[in-house]
């Protein structure tokens, strides 16, 4: 599985997480009981499907080896693909990169080069 996984979230939620030291997840994450992540090959489709047209977002790059390995599970989701899910909070120290996820003039999010 990929060492670097990704989370898209609102900038304000990420700012609060940085103050507290951990991120408990978005409202959807809290409802589902785990934090949704994507791999580099999945994250653009995740943005298009779940964050279309949204602004004020940040793309977090997470070192999956810094997570509780018992709480991190790859489970089938969209089309049967295995997506990383974290059953617990995301510690801020596991985030190795953050990039504003702005919209291009075409309304599609602009992604950096992913690992």
C-alpha atoms as a PDB file:
ATOM      1  CA  UNK A   1       0.000   0.000   0.000  1.00  0.00           C
ATOM      2  CA  UNK A   2       1.057   3.622  -0.449  1.00  0.00           C
ATOM      3  CA  UNK A   3       3.173   5.214   2.248  1.00  0.00           C
ATOM      4  CA  UNK A   4       1.815   8.693   1.478  1.00  0.00           C
ATOM      5  CA  UNK A   5      -1.967   9.018   1.609  1.00  0.00           C
ATOM      6  CA  UNK A   6      -4.108  12.121   1.219  1.00  0.00           C
ATOM      7  CA  UNK A   7      -6.933  13.922   2.975  1.00  0.00           C
ATOM      8  CA  UNK A   8      -8.966  16.807   1.585  1.00  0.00           C
ATOM      9  CA  UNK A   9     -10.490  19.026   4.236  1.00  0.00           C
ATOM     10  CA  UNK A  10     -11.554  22.593   4.876  1.00  0.00           C
ATOM     11  CA  UNK A  11      -8.727  24.978   5.759  1.00  0.00           C
ATOM     12  CA  UNK A  12     -10.511  26.136   8.913  1.00  0.00           C
ATOM     13  CA  UNK A  13     -10.901  22.564  10.185  1.00  0.00           C
ATOM     14  CA  UNK A  14      -7.206  21.927   9.539  1.00  0.00           C
ATOM     15  CA  UNK A  15      -6.253  25.126  11.403  1.00  0.00           C
ATOM     16  CA  UNK A  16      -8.238  23.943  14.444  1.00  0.00           C
ATOM     17  CA  UNK A  17      -6.590  20.534  14.256  1.00  0.00           C
ATOM     18  CA  UNK A  18      -3.151  22.119  14.229  1.00  0.00           C
ATOM     19  CA  UNK A  19      -4.025  23.989  17.426  1.00  0.00           C
ATOM     20  CA  UNK A  20      -5.289  20.852  19.179  1.00  0.00           C
ATOM     21  CA  UNK A  21      -2.676  18.420  17.837  1.00  0.00           C
ATOM     22  CA  UNK A  22      -5.091  16.044  16.112  1.00  0.00           C
ATOM     23  CA  UNK A  23      -7.862  15.947  13.539  1.00  0.00           C
ATOM     24  CA  UNK A  24     -10.975  13.960  14.411  1.00  0.00           C
ATOM     25  CA  UNK A  25     -12.405  14.186  10.906  1.00  0.00           C
ATOM     26  CA  UNK A  26     -14.997  16.015   8.864  1.00  0.00           C
ATOM     27  CA  UNK A  27     -18.720  15.660   9.572  1.00  0.00           C
ATOM     28  CA  UNK A  28     -18.866  12.780   7.041  1.00  0.00           C
ATOM     29  CA  UNK A  29     -15.900  11.087   8.731  1.00  0.00           C
ATOM     30  CA  UNK A  30     -17.530  11.415  12.146  1.00  0.00           C
ATOM     31  CA  UNK A  31     -20.800  10.032  10.772  1.00  0.00           C
ATOM     32  CA  UNK A  32     -19.046   7.042   9.174  1.00  0.00           C
ATOM     33  CA  UNK A  33     -16.850   6.324  12.212  1.00  0.00           C
ATOM     34  CA  UNK A  34     -13.507   6.675  10.433  1.00  0.00           C
ATOM     35  CA  UNK A  35     -11.423   9.268   8.584  1.00  0.00           C
ATOM     36  CA  UNK A  36     -11.566   8.865   4.807  1.00  0.00           C
ATOM     37  CA  UNK A  37      -8.252   9.078   2.946  1.00  0.00           C
ATOM     38  CA  UNK A  38      -7.256   8.533  -0.675  1.00  0.00           C
ATOM     39  CA  UNK A  39      -4.122   7.328  -2.402  1.00  0.00           C
ATOM     40  CA  UNK A  40      -2.398   9.470  -5.026  1.00  0.00           C
ATOM     41  CA  UNK A  41      -4.278   7.656  -7.792  1.00  0.00           C
ATOM     42  CA  UNK A  42      -7.647   8.144  -6.060  1.00  0.00           C
ATOM     43  CA  UNK A  43      -7.545  11.687  -4.684  1.00  0.00           C
ATOM     44  CA  UNK A  44      -8.412  13.634  -7.854  1.00  0.00           C
ATOM     45  CA  UNK A  45     -11.549  11.558  -8.352  1.00  0.00           C
ATOM     46  CA  UNK A  46     -12.373  12.034  -4.661  1.00  0.00           C
ATOM     47  CA  UNK A  47     -12.116  15.797  -5.124  1.00  0.00           C
ATOM     48  CA  UNK A  48     -14.326  15.720  -8.204  1.00  0.00           C
ATOM     49  CA  UNK A  49     -16.945  13.502  -6.578  1.00  0.00           C
ATOM     50  CA  UNK A  50     -17.119  14.901  -3.044  1.00  0.00           C
ATOM     51  CA  UNK A  51     -15.684  18.444  -3.245  1.00  0.00           C
ATOM     52  CA  UNK A  52     -16.733  19.697  -6.700  1.00  0.00           C
ATOM     53  CA  UNK A  53     -16.718  23.483  -6.845  1.00  0.00           C
ATOM     54  CA  UNK A  54     -15.725  23.890  -3.200  1.00  0.00           C
ATOM     55  CA  UNK A  55     -13.188  26.473  -2.178  1.00  0.00           C
ATOM     56  CA  UNK A  56     -11.257  26.983   1.066  1.00  0.00           C
ATOM     57  CA  UNK A  57      -9.847  23.448   0.930  1.00  0.00           C
ATOM     58  CA  UNK A  58      -6.452  22.039   1.765  1.00  0.00           C
ATOM     59  CA  UNK A  59      -4.829  18.826   0.565  1.00  0.00           C
ATOM     60  CA  UNK A  60      -2.963  17.051   3.353  1.00  0.00           C
ATOM     61  CA  UNK A  61      -0.208  14.523   2.618  1.00  0.00           C
ATOM     62  CA  UNK A  62       0.060  11.979   5.426  1.00  0.00           C
ATOM     63  CA  UNK A  63       2.883   9.565   6.147  1.00  0.00           C
ATOM     64  CA  UNK A  64       0.870   6.416   6.787  1.00  0.00           C
ATOM     65  CA  UNK A  65       3.761   4.889   8.755  1.00  0.00           C
ATOM     66  CA  UNK A  66       3.207   7.581  11.413  1.00  0.00           C
ATOM     67  CA  UNK A  67      -0.347   6.352  12.023  1.00  0.00           C
ATOM     68  CA  UNK A  68      -1.554   3.697  14.429  1.00  0.00           C
ATOM     69  CA  UNK A  69      -1.231   0.669  12.145  1.00  0.00           C
ATOM     70  CA  UNK A  70      -4.007  -1.179  13.992  1.00  0.00           C
ATOM     71  CA  UNK A  71      -6.364   1.751  13.270  1.00  0.00           C
ATOM     72  CA  UNK A  72      -5.433   2.136   9.568  1.00  0.00           C
ATOM     73  CA  UNK A  73      -7.328  -0.178   7.257  1.00  0.00           C
ATOM     74  CA  UNK A  74      -7.584  -0.417   3.476  1.00  0.00           C
ATOM     75  CA  UNK A  75     -11.188  -1.206   2.703  1.00  0.00           C
ATOM     76  CA  UNK A  76     -13.214  -1.560  -0.499  1.00  0.00           C
ATOM     77  CA  UNK A  77     -15.146   1.496  -1.561  1.00  0.00           C
ATOM     78  CA  UNK A  78     -15.769   3.203  -4.905  1.00  0.00           C
ATOM     79  CA  UNK A  79     -15.784   0.518  -7.581  1.00  0.00           C
ATOM     80  CA  UNK A  80     -14.266  -2.002  -5.176  1.00  0.00           C
ATOM     81  CA  UNK A  81     -10.983  -0.077  -4.928  1.00  0.00           C
ATOM     82  CA  UNK A  82      -9.217  -0.238  -1.574  1.00  0.00           C
ATOM     83  CA  UNK A  83      -9.246   3.124   0.215  1.00  0.00           C
ATOM     84  CA  UNK A  84      -7.325   3.941   3.399  1.00  0.00           C
ATOM     85  CA  UNK A  85      -9.523   4.555   6.442  1.00  0.00           C
ATOM     86  CA  UNK A  86      -8.317   5.583   9.888  1.00  0.00           C
ATOM     87  CA  UNK A  87     -10.371   4.431  12.864  1.00  0.00           C
ATOM     88  CA  UNK A  88      -9.163   7.110  15.249  1.00  0.00           C
ATOM     89  CA  UNK A  89      -7.829  10.650  15.194  1.00  0.00           C
ATOM     90  CA  UNK A  90      -5.218  11.859  12.724  1.00  0.00           C
ATOM     91  CA  UNK A  91      -2.196  13.149  14.677  1.00  0.00           C
ATOM     92  CA  UNK A  92      -0.917  16.418  13.247  1.00  0.00           C
ATOM     93  CA  UNK A  93       2.674  15.121  13.308  1.00  0.00           C
ATOM     94  CA  UNK A  94       1.751  12.525  10.648  1.00  0.00           C
ATOM     95  CA  UNK A  95       1.003  15.281   8.122  1.00  0.00           C
ATOM     96  CA  UNK A  96       4.121  15.781   6.006  1.00  0.00           C
ATOM     97  CA  UNK A  97       2.696  18.305   3.563  1.00  0.00           C
ATOM     98  CA  UNK A  98      -0.196  20.657   3.047  1.00  0.00           C
ATOM     99  CA  UNK A  99      -1.214  22.436  -0.126  1.00  0.00           C
ATOM    100  CA  UNK A 100      -4.110  24.807  -0.754  1.00  0.00           C
ATOM    101  CA  UNK A 101      -6.517  23.056  -3.103  1.00  0.00           C
ATOM    102  CA  UNK A 102      -7.642  25.948  -5.263  1.00  0.00           C
ATOM    103  CA  UNK A 103     -10.010  25.833  -8.203  1.00  0.00           C
ATOM    104  CA  UNK A 104      -8.744  26.445 -11.717  1.00  0.00           C
ATOM    105  CA  UNK A 105     -10.593  28.640 -14.174  1.00  0.00           C
ATOM    106  CA  UNK A 106     -12.292  25.453 -15.426  1.00  0.00           C
ATOM    107  CA  UNK A 107     -13.738  24.820 -11.936  1.00  0.00           C
ATOM    108  CA  UNK A 108     -11.537  21.776 -11.333  1.00  0.00           C
ATOM    109  CA  UNK A 109      -9.163  21.641  -8.364  1.00  0.00           C
ATOM    110  CA  UNK A 110      -5.500  22.240  -9.095  1.00  0.00           C
ATOM    111  CA  UNK A 111      -3.333  19.478  -7.653  1.00  0.00           C
ATOM    112  CA  UNK A 112       0.399  19.508  -6.996  1.00  0.00           C
ATOM    113  CA  UNK A 113       2.530  16.611  -8.186  1.00  0.00           C
ATOM    114  CA  UNK A 114       1.647  13.670  -5.967  1.00  0.00           C
ATOM    115  CA  UNK A 115       3.877  10.917  -4.598  1.00  0.00           C
END
